[in-house]
Amino acid sequence: MPFVTIQIAKGHSVELKRKLAQAVTDTLVSTLGTKPEWVTIHIDEFDPENWAVGGELHIDRHSDKHAQKKS
């Protein structure tokens, strides 16, 4: 029984998460030969201010993109 955790930034639509879950499930079924009903996927969303790369918060690295989203 595969259990997959996917960590992504908040802000993706439910439809996009549905597509992601289906694509991951399809890949595990074709690669491992498991049954789709045995695949469990947990999508863990986080805020950009809780993610840093190279010592810099993601929200600061891409502040122009985040400002556009909030508008």
N, C-alpha and C. Protein backbone atom coordinates (compact mmCIF):
# COMPACT_ATOMS: atom_id res chain seq x y z
N MET A 1 0.82 -1.18 0.00
CA MET A 1 0.00 0.00 0.00
C MET A 1 0.87 1.26 0.00
N PRO A 2 1.04 1.88 -1.14
CA PRO A 2 1.83 3.11 -1.20
C PRO A 2 1.13 4.26 -0.48
N PHE A 3 1.90 5.00 0.31
CA PHE A 3 1.42 6.22 0.95
C PHE A 3 2.37 7.32 0.54
N VAL A 4 1.84 8.33 -0.15
CA VAL A 4 2.66 9.41 -0.69
C VAL A 4 2.25 10.72 -0.04
N THR A 5 3.24 11.49 0.41
CA THR A 5 2.98 12.84 0.91
C THR A 5 3.59 13.82 -0.08
N ILE A 6 2.77 14.75 -0.52
CA ILE A 6 3.22 15.78 -1.46
C ILE A 6 3.13 17.12 -0.74
N GLN A 7 4.23 17.83 -0.69
CA GLN A 7 4.25 19.14 -0.05
C GLN A 7 4.29 20.21 -1.13
N ILE A 8 3.28 21.10 -1.08
CA ILE A 8 3.19 22.19 -2.06
C ILE A 8 2.77 23.47 -1.35
N ALA A 9 3.09 24.59 -1.95
CA ALA A 9 2.66 25.88 -1.41
C ALA A 9 1.15 26.01 -1.56
N LYS A 10 0.53 26.71 -0.63
CA LYS A 10 -0.91 26.96 -0.70
C LYS A 10 -1.23 27.78 -1.94
N GLY A 11 -2.44 27.62 -2.43
CA GLY A 11 -2.89 28.44 -3.54
C GLY A 11 -3.28 27.67 -4.79
N HIS A 12 -3.07 26.35 -4.80
CA HIS A 12 -3.46 25.55 -5.97
C HIS A 12 -4.94 25.20 -5.88
N SER A 13 -5.59 25.17 -7.01
CA SER A 13 -7.02 24.89 -7.05
C SER A 13 -7.30 23.42 -6.71
N VAL A 14 -8.53 23.16 -6.31
CA VAL A 14 -8.94 21.78 -6.04
C VAL A 14 -8.82 20.95 -7.31
N GLU A 15 -9.18 21.53 -8.45
CA GLU A 15 -9.09 20.80 -9.72
C GLU A 15 -7.65 20.39 -10.02
N LEU A 16 -6.70 21.28 -9.78
CA LEU A 16 -5.30 20.94 -10.01
C LEU A 16 -4.84 19.84 -9.06
N LYS A 17 -5.30 19.87 -7.81
CA LYS A 17 -4.94 18.82 -6.86
C LYS A 17 -5.58 17.48 -7.25
N ARG A 18 -6.77 17.53 -7.82
CA ARG A 18 -7.39 16.29 -8.33
C ARG A 18 -6.53 15.68 -9.43
N LYS A 19 -6.07 16.53 -10.36
CA LYS A 19 -5.23 16.05 -11.46
C LYS A 19 -3.91 15.49 -10.93
N LEU A 20 -3.34 16.17 -9.94
CA LEU A 20 -2.10 15.70 -9.34
C LEU A 20 -2.29 14.33 -8.69
N ALA A 21 -3.36 14.18 -7.90
CA ALA A 21 -3.63 12.91 -7.24
C ALA A 21 -3.84 11.79 -8.25
N GLN A 22 -4.55 12.08 -9.33
CA GLN A 22 -4.79 11.06 -10.35
C GLN A 22 -3.49 10.68 -11.07
N ALA A 23 -2.67 11.67 -11.39
CA ALA A 23 -1.41 11.39 -12.09
C ALA A 23 -0.45 10.57 -11.22
N VAL A 24 -0.37 10.90 -9.95
CA VAL A 24 0.50 10.14 -9.04
C VAL A 24 -0.03 8.71 -8.89
N THR A 25 -1.33 8.59 -8.72
CA THR A 25 -1.93 7.26 -8.60
C THR A 25 -1.67 6.43 -9.85
N ASP A 26 -1.90 7.01 -11.03
CA ASP A 26 -1.67 6.30 -12.28
C ASP A 26 -0.21 5.85 -12.40
N THR A 27 0.71 6.71 -11.99
CA THR A 27 2.15 6.37 -12.07
C THR A 27 2.47 5.20 -11.14
N LEU A 28 1.95 5.23 -9.92
CA LEU A 28 2.23 4.13 -8.99
C LEU A 28 1.61 2.83 -9.46
N VAL A 29 0.42 2.90 -10.01
CA VAL A 29 -0.23 1.70 -10.53
C VAL A 29 0.59 1.11 -11.68
N SER A 30 1.03 1.95 -12.61
CA SER A 30 1.77 1.42 -13.76
C SER A 30 3.20 1.00 -13.39
N THR A 31 3.80 1.65 -12.41
CA THR A 31 5.18 1.33 -12.04
C THR A 31 5.26 0.17 -11.06
N LEU A 32 4.42 0.20 -10.03
CA LEU A 32 4.49 -0.82 -8.98
C LEU A 32 3.51 -1.98 -9.18
N GLY A 33 2.55 -1.78 -10.07
CA GLY A 33 1.55 -2.81 -10.28
C GLY A 33 0.54 -2.90 -9.14
N THR A 34 0.43 -1.84 -8.37
CA THR A 34 -0.52 -1.80 -7.26
C THR A 34 -1.91 -1.45 -7.77
N LYS A 35 -2.90 -1.64 -6.93
CA LYS A 35 -4.26 -1.28 -7.29
C LYS A 35 -4.51 0.18 -6.91
N PRO A 36 -5.28 0.91 -7.71
CA PRO A 36 -5.54 2.32 -7.41
C PRO A 36 -6.12 2.54 -6.02
N GLU A 37 -6.98 1.63 -5.58
CA GLU A 37 -7.62 1.80 -4.27
C GLU A 37 -6.64 1.58 -3.11
N TRP A 38 -5.45 1.11 -3.40
CA TRP A 38 -4.43 0.93 -2.35
C TRP A 38 -3.52 2.15 -2.21
N VAL A 39 -3.64 3.09 -3.13
CA VAL A 39 -2.78 4.27 -3.11
C VAL A 39 -3.41 5.36 -2.24
N THR A 40 -2.64 5.84 -1.28
CA THR A 40 -3.07 6.94 -0.42
C THR A 40 -2.15 8.13 -0.66
N ILE A 41 -2.75 9.29 -0.88
CA ILE A 41 -1.97 10.50 -1.14
C ILE A 41 -2.40 11.57 -0.13
N HIS A 42 -1.42 12.16 0.51
CA HIS A 42 -1.67 13.26 1.45
C HIS A 42 -1.01 14.50 0.85
N ILE A 43 -1.81 15.53 0.62
CA ILE A 43 -1.27 16.80 0.11
C ILE A 43 -1.14 17.75 1.29
N ASP A 44 0.09 18.11 1.57
CA ASP A 44 0.41 18.99 2.69
C ASP A 44 0.75 20.36 2.14
N GLU A 45 -0.13 21.34 2.40
CA GLU A 45 0.08 22.69 1.88
C GLU A 45 0.72 23.57 2.96
N PHE A 46 1.59 24.45 2.53
CA PHE A 46 2.25 25.34 3.47
C PHE A 46 2.21 26.76 2.95
N ASP A 47 2.32 27.71 3.88
CA ASP A 47 2.36 29.12 3.52
C ASP A 47 3.76 29.49 3.05
N PRO A 48 3.88 30.38 2.06
CA PRO A 48 5.19 30.78 1.56
C PRO A 48 6.10 31.37 2.64
N GLU A 49 5.51 31.95 3.70
CA GLU A 49 6.37 32.50 4.75
C GLU A 49 6.97 31.41 5.65
N ASN A 50 6.57 30.16 5.43
CA ASN A 50 7.12 29.04 6.19
C ASN A 50 8.07 28.20 5.35
N TRP A 51 8.64 28.78 4.29
CA TRP A 51 9.50 28.06 3.37
C TRP A 51 10.67 28.96 3.03
N ALA A 52 11.88 28.46 3.25
CA ALA A 52 13.08 29.24 2.95
C ALA A 52 14.02 28.45 2.06
N VAL A 53 14.70 29.15 1.18
CA VAL A 53 15.73 28.57 0.32
C VAL A 53 16.96 29.46 0.44
N GLY A 54 18.09 28.86 0.74
CA GLY A 54 19.33 29.63 0.84
C GLY A 54 19.28 30.69 1.92
N GLY A 55 18.51 30.43 2.98
CA GLY A 55 18.42 31.37 4.08
C GLY A 55 17.45 32.51 3.87
N GLU A 56 16.73 32.49 2.75
CA GLU A 56 15.79 33.57 2.45
C GLU A 56 14.39 32.98 2.31
N LEU A 57 13.43 33.61 2.99
CA LEU A 57 12.05 33.13 2.91
C LEU A 57 11.54 33.22 1.47
N HIS A 58 10.77 32.23 1.09
CA HIS A 58 10.22 32.18 -0.26
C HIS A 58 9.37 33.42 -0.55
N ILE A 59 8.61 33.85 0.43
CA ILE A 59 7.76 35.02 0.23
C ILE A 59 8.58 36.27 -0.07
N ASP A 60 9.82 36.34 0.46
CA ASP A 60 10.70 37.48 0.19
C ASP A 60 11.39 37.33 -1.16
N ARG A 61 11.72 36.12 -1.53
CA ARG A 61 12.38 35.87 -2.82
C ARG A 61 11.47 36.20 -3.99
N HIS A 62 10.20 36.00 -3.79
CA HIS A 62 9.23 36.17 -4.88
C HIS A 62 8.13 37.13 -4.46
N SER A 63 8.48 38.20 -3.77
CA SER A 63 7.48 39.12 -3.23
C SER A 63 6.62 39.76 -4.32
N ASP A 64 7.17 39.97 -5.51
CA ASP A 64 6.37 40.56 -6.59
C ASP A 64 5.25 39.62 -7.02
N LYS A 65 5.50 38.32 -7.08
CA LYS A 65 4.48 37.35 -7.47
C LYS A 65 3.39 37.25 -6.40
N HIS A 66 3.80 37.27 -5.13
CA HIS A 66 2.82 37.17 -4.05
C HIS A 66 1.97 38.42 -3.95
N ALA A 67 2.54 39.56 -4.25
CA ALA A 67 1.77 40.81 -4.24
C ALA A 67 0.71 40.78 -5.33
N GLN A 68 1.05 40.22 -6.50
CA GLN A 68 0.09 40.14 -7.61
C GLN A 68 -1.06 39.20 -7.26
N LYS A 69 -0.78 38.08 -6.57
CA LYS A 69 -1.81 37.13 -6.19
C LYS A 69 -2.82 37.74 -5.25
N LYS A 70 -2.36 38.58 -4.32
CA LYS A 70 -3.23 39.17 -3.33
C LYS A 70 -4.10 40.27 -3.90
N SER A 71 -3.72 40.84 -5.05
CA SER A 71 -4.48 41.94 -5.65
C SER A 71 -5.77 41.45 -6.28
